[in-house]
C-alpha cells in the first residue's frame, strides 16, 4: 500500500505479491492502491484494476464529498480573512484575537481532560 508521500509530488507504493495484500474483500477499501507483480493496481470498491496510461475511477461516499466541500469552503473563508487582515488593522486585530482564543480553548480542553482522568 502507500508507504510514503514525498513533498516533491510523488507517492511511494510498497511492493509485494497478490497474496500479501487484501484481496477483493471487505478488507479492501475503494481508492486503495497496491504494487502487485510489477503493476500498480487501484481498487474501485469491487475489483483490483491495473493502472496503465489511463486511470481508475473511484467514487467517494456522500459524506466524503460533503467533507471535501466543507473543507474547500472553509479554506476559502480563511484565505479571505487572512487577505483582509493584511490590509485592515481592525480585521487583523480581531483575527489575532480569534487565533489566540482558539489556542486558549485547545489548552483548556487538554487540561480539563487531564484533570478528569486523574
C-alpha atoms as a PDB file:
ATOM      1  CA  UNK A   1       0.000   0.000   0.000  1.00  0.00           C
ATOM      2  CA  UNK A   2       1.123   3.633   0.113  1.00  0.00           C
ATOM      3  CA  UNK A   3       4.334   3.660   2.094  1.00  0.00           C
ATOM      4  CA  UNK A   4       5.184   7.353   1.988  1.00  0.00           C
ATOM      5  CA  UNK A   5       4.124  10.650   0.400  1.00  0.00           C
ATOM      6  CA  UNK A   6       7.037  12.852  -0.573  1.00  0.00           C
ATOM      7  CA  UNK A   7       6.924  16.622  -0.660  1.00  0.00           C
ATOM      8  CA  UNK A   8       8.162  16.728  -4.244  1.00  0.00           C
ATOM      9  CA  UNK A   9       4.929  15.354  -5.685  1.00  0.00           C
ATOM     10  CA  UNK A  10       5.217  11.598  -5.743  1.00  0.00           C
ATOM     11  CA  UNK A  11       3.888   8.652  -3.781  1.00  0.00           C
ATOM     12  CA  UNK A  12       5.931   5.608  -2.758  1.00  0.00           C
ATOM     13  CA  UNK A  13       3.898   2.413  -3.032  1.00  0.00           C
ATOM     14  CA  UNK A  14       5.187  -0.597  -1.144  1.00  0.00           C
ATOM     15  CA  UNK A  15       5.741  -3.697  -3.272  1.00  0.00           C
ATOM     16  CA  UNK A  16       4.669  -7.252  -2.754  1.00  0.00           C
ATOM     17  CA  UNK A  17       2.709 -10.071  -4.297  1.00  0.00           C
ATOM     18  CA  UNK A  18      -1.013 -10.607  -4.682  1.00  0.00           C
ATOM     19  CA  UNK A  19      -1.180 -12.794  -1.585  1.00  0.00           C
ATOM     20  CA  UNK A  20       0.411 -10.152   0.689  1.00  0.00           C
ATOM     21  CA  UNK A  21      -2.314  -7.566   0.110  1.00  0.00           C
ATOM     22  CA  UNK A  22      -6.020  -7.562   0.806  1.00  0.00           C
ATOM     23  CA  UNK A  23      -7.942  -9.459  -1.862  1.00  0.00           C
ATOM     24  CA  UNK A  24     -11.194  -8.110  -3.297  1.00  0.00           C
ATOM     25  CA  UNK A  25     -12.999  -8.292   0.005  1.00  0.00           C
ATOM     26  CA  UNK A  26     -14.242  -6.276   2.930  1.00  0.00           C
ATOM     27  CA  UNK A  27     -10.584  -5.662   3.875  1.00  0.00           C
ATOM     28  CA  UNK A  28     -10.123  -3.607   0.705  1.00  0.00           C
ATOM     29  CA  UNK A  29     -11.476  -0.076   0.501  1.00  0.00           C
ATOM     30  CA  UNK A  30     -12.329   1.903  -2.598  1.00  0.00           C
ATOM     31  CA  UNK A  31      -9.357   4.036  -3.616  1.00  0.00           C
ATOM     32  CA  UNK A  32      -6.660   1.728  -2.256  1.00  0.00           C
ATOM     33  CA  UNK A  33      -3.516   1.313  -4.354  1.00  0.00           C
ATOM     34  CA  UNK A  34      -1.103  -1.600  -4.380  1.00  0.00           C
ATOM     35  CA  UNK A  35       2.018  -2.643  -6.244  1.00  0.00           C
ATOM     36  CA  UNK A  36       1.468  -6.200  -7.395  1.00  0.00           C
ATOM     37  CA  UNK A  37       3.756  -8.273  -9.614  1.00  0.00           C
ATOM     38  CA  UNK A  38       5.209  -5.236 -11.361  1.00  0.00           C
ATOM     39  CA  UNK A  39       1.895  -3.425 -11.776  1.00  0.00           C
ATOM     40  CA  UNK A  40       0.262  -0.615  -9.850  1.00  0.00           C
ATOM     41  CA  UNK A  41      -3.343  -1.536  -9.153  1.00  0.00           C
ATOM     42  CA  UNK A  42      -6.277   0.514  -7.871  1.00  0.00           C
ATOM     43  CA  UNK A  43      -9.330  -0.826  -6.082  1.00  0.00           C
ATOM     44  CA  UNK A  44     -12.692   0.566  -7.243  1.00  0.00           C
ATOM     45  CA  UNK A  45     -14.745  -0.925  -4.429  1.00  0.00           C
ATOM     46  CA  UNK A  46     -15.333  -4.191  -6.266  1.00  0.00           C
ATOM     47  CA  UNK A  47     -12.162  -5.284  -8.073  1.00  0.00           C
ATOM     48  CA  UNK A  48      -8.461  -4.529  -8.395  1.00  0.00           C
ATOM     49  CA  UNK A  49      -7.560  -2.928 -11.763  1.00  0.00           C
ATOM     50  CA  UNK A  50      -4.111  -2.492 -13.274  1.00  0.00           C
ATOM     51  CA  UNK A  51      -3.373   1.202 -13.739  1.00  0.00           C
ATOM     52  CA  UNK A  52      -1.933   1.784 -17.177  1.00  0.00           C
ATOM     53  CA  UNK A  53      -1.820   5.058 -19.010  1.00  0.00           C
ATOM     54  CA  UNK A  54      -5.472   5.503 -18.072  1.00  0.00           C
ATOM     55  CA  UNK A  55      -6.959   5.871 -14.641  1.00  0.00           C
ATOM     56  CA  UNK A  56      -9.043   4.088 -12.044  1.00  0.00           C
ATOM     57  CA  UNK A  57     -12.382   5.682 -11.248  1.00  0.00           C
ATOM     58  CA  UNK A  58     -13.070   5.870  -7.529  1.00  0.00           C
ATOM     59  CA  UNK A  59     -16.385   7.110  -6.243  1.00  0.00           C
ATOM     60  CA  UNK A  60     -16.450   8.918  -2.925  1.00  0.00           C
ATOM     61  CA  UNK A  61     -19.234   8.478  -0.431  1.00  0.00           C
ATOM     62  CA  UNK A  62     -21.753  11.253   0.128  1.00  0.00           C
ATOM     63  CA  UNK A  63     -20.078  12.013   3.476  1.00  0.00           C
ATOM     64  CA  UNK A  64     -16.629  12.239   1.883  1.00  0.00           C
ATOM     65  CA  UNK A  65     -17.950  14.652  -0.754  1.00  0.00           C
ATOM     66  CA  UNK A  66     -19.604  16.763   1.961  1.00  0.00           C
ATOM     67  CA  UNK A  67     -16.357  16.819   3.960  1.00  0.00           C
ATOM     68  CA  UNK A  68     -14.375  17.915   0.922  1.00  0.00           C
ATOM     69  CA  UNK A  69     -16.922  20.614   0.064  1.00  0.00           C
ATOM     70  CA  UNK A  70     -16.821  21.872   3.670  1.00  0.00           C
ATOM     71  CA  UNK A  71     -13.009  21.915   3.692  1.00  0.00           C
ATOM     72  CA  UNK A  72     -12.820  23.826   0.399  1.00  0.00           C
ATOM     73  CA  UNK A  73     -15.359  26.394   1.667  1.00  0.00           C
ATOM     74  CA  UNK A  74     -13.512  26.726   4.997  1.00  0.00           C
ATOM     75  CA  UNK A  75     -10.165  27.231   3.243  1.00  0.00           C
ATOM     76  CA  UNK A  76     -11.662  29.954   1.030  1.00  0.00           C
ATOM     77  CA  UNK A  77     -13.131  31.714   4.074  1.00  0.00           C
ATOM     78  CA  UNK A  78      -9.801  31.581   5.928  1.00  0.00           C
ATOM     79  CA  UNK A  79      -7.915  32.815   2.864  1.00  0.00           C
ATOM     80  CA  UNK A  80     -10.335  35.764   2.542  1.00  0.00           C
ATOM     81  CA  UNK A  81      -9.932  36.685   6.224  1.00  0.00           C
ATOM     82  CA  UNK A  82      -6.129  36.424   6.004  1.00  0.00           C
ATOM     83  CA  UNK A  83      -6.100  38.664   2.910  1.00  0.00           C
ATOM     84  CA  UNK A  84      -8.316  41.230   4.647  1.00  0.00           C
ATOM     85  CA  UNK A  85      -6.118  41.102   7.749  1.00  0.00           C
ATOM     86  CA  UNK A  86      -3.104  42.149   5.668  1.00  0.00           C
ATOM     87  CA  UNK A  87      -4.662  45.497   4.814  1.00  0.00           C
ATOM     88  CA  UNK A  88      -7.199  46.179   7.563  1.00  0.00           C
ATOM     89  CA  UNK A  89      -5.877  46.748  11.092  1.00  0.00           C
ATOM     90  CA  UNK A  90      -9.242  46.096  12.768  1.00  0.00           C
ATOM     91  CA  UNK A  91      -9.660  42.774  10.944  1.00  0.00           C
ATOM     92  CA  UNK A  92      -6.041  41.869  11.750  1.00  0.00           C
ATOM     93  CA  UNK A  93      -6.582  42.557  15.451  1.00  0.00           C
ATOM     94  CA  UNK A  94      -9.826  40.544  15.528  1.00  0.00           C
ATOM     95  CA  UNK A  95      -8.187  37.681  13.612  1.00  0.00           C
ATOM     96  CA  UNK A  96      -5.229  37.591  16.018  1.00  0.00           C
ATOM     97  CA  UNK A  97      -7.662  37.617  18.977  1.00  0.00           C
ATOM     98  CA  UNK A  98      -9.565  34.723  17.393  1.00  0.00           C
ATOM     99  CA  UNK A  99      -6.377  32.679  16.885  1.00  0.00           C
ATOM    100  CA  UNK A 100      -5.299  33.339  20.489  1.00  0.00           C
ATOM    101  CA  UNK A 101      -8.752  32.338  21.768  1.00  0.00           C
ATOM    102  CA  UNK A 102      -8.574  29.103  19.742  1.00  0.00           C
ATOM    103  CA  UNK A 103      -5.177  28.282  21.283  1.00  0.00           C
ATOM    104  CA  UNK A 104      -6.516  29.051  24.756  1.00  0.00           C
ATOM    105  CA  UNK A 105      -9.574  26.849  24.159  1.00  0.00           C
ATOM    106  CA  UNK A 106      -7.407  23.923  22.983  1.00  0.00           C
ATOM    107  CA  UNK A 107      -5.175  24.279  26.045  1.00  0.00           C
ATOM    108  CA  UNK A 108      -8.194  24.449  28.361  1.00  0.00           C
ATOM    109  CA  UNK A 109      -9.698  21.317  26.792  1.00  0.00           C
ATOM    110  CA  UNK A 110      -6.420  19.413  27.166  1.00  0.00           C
ATOM    111  CA  UNK A 111      -6.062  20.479  30.793  1.00  0.00           C
ATOM    112  CA  UNK A 112      -9.709  19.590  31.502  1.00  0.00           C
ATOM    113  CA  UNK A 113      -9.238  16.112  30.037  1.00  0.00           C
ATOM    114  CA  UNK A 114      -6.033  15.607  32.034  1.00  0.00           C
ATOM    115  CA  UNK A 115      -7.801  16.712  35.210  1.00  0.00           C
ATOM    116  CA  UNK A 116     -10.804  14.437  34.654  1.00  0.00           C
ATOM    117  CA  UNK A 117      -8.586  11.371  34.127  1.00  0.00           C
ATOM    118  CA  UNK A 118      -6.563  12.000  37.299  1.00  0.00           C
END
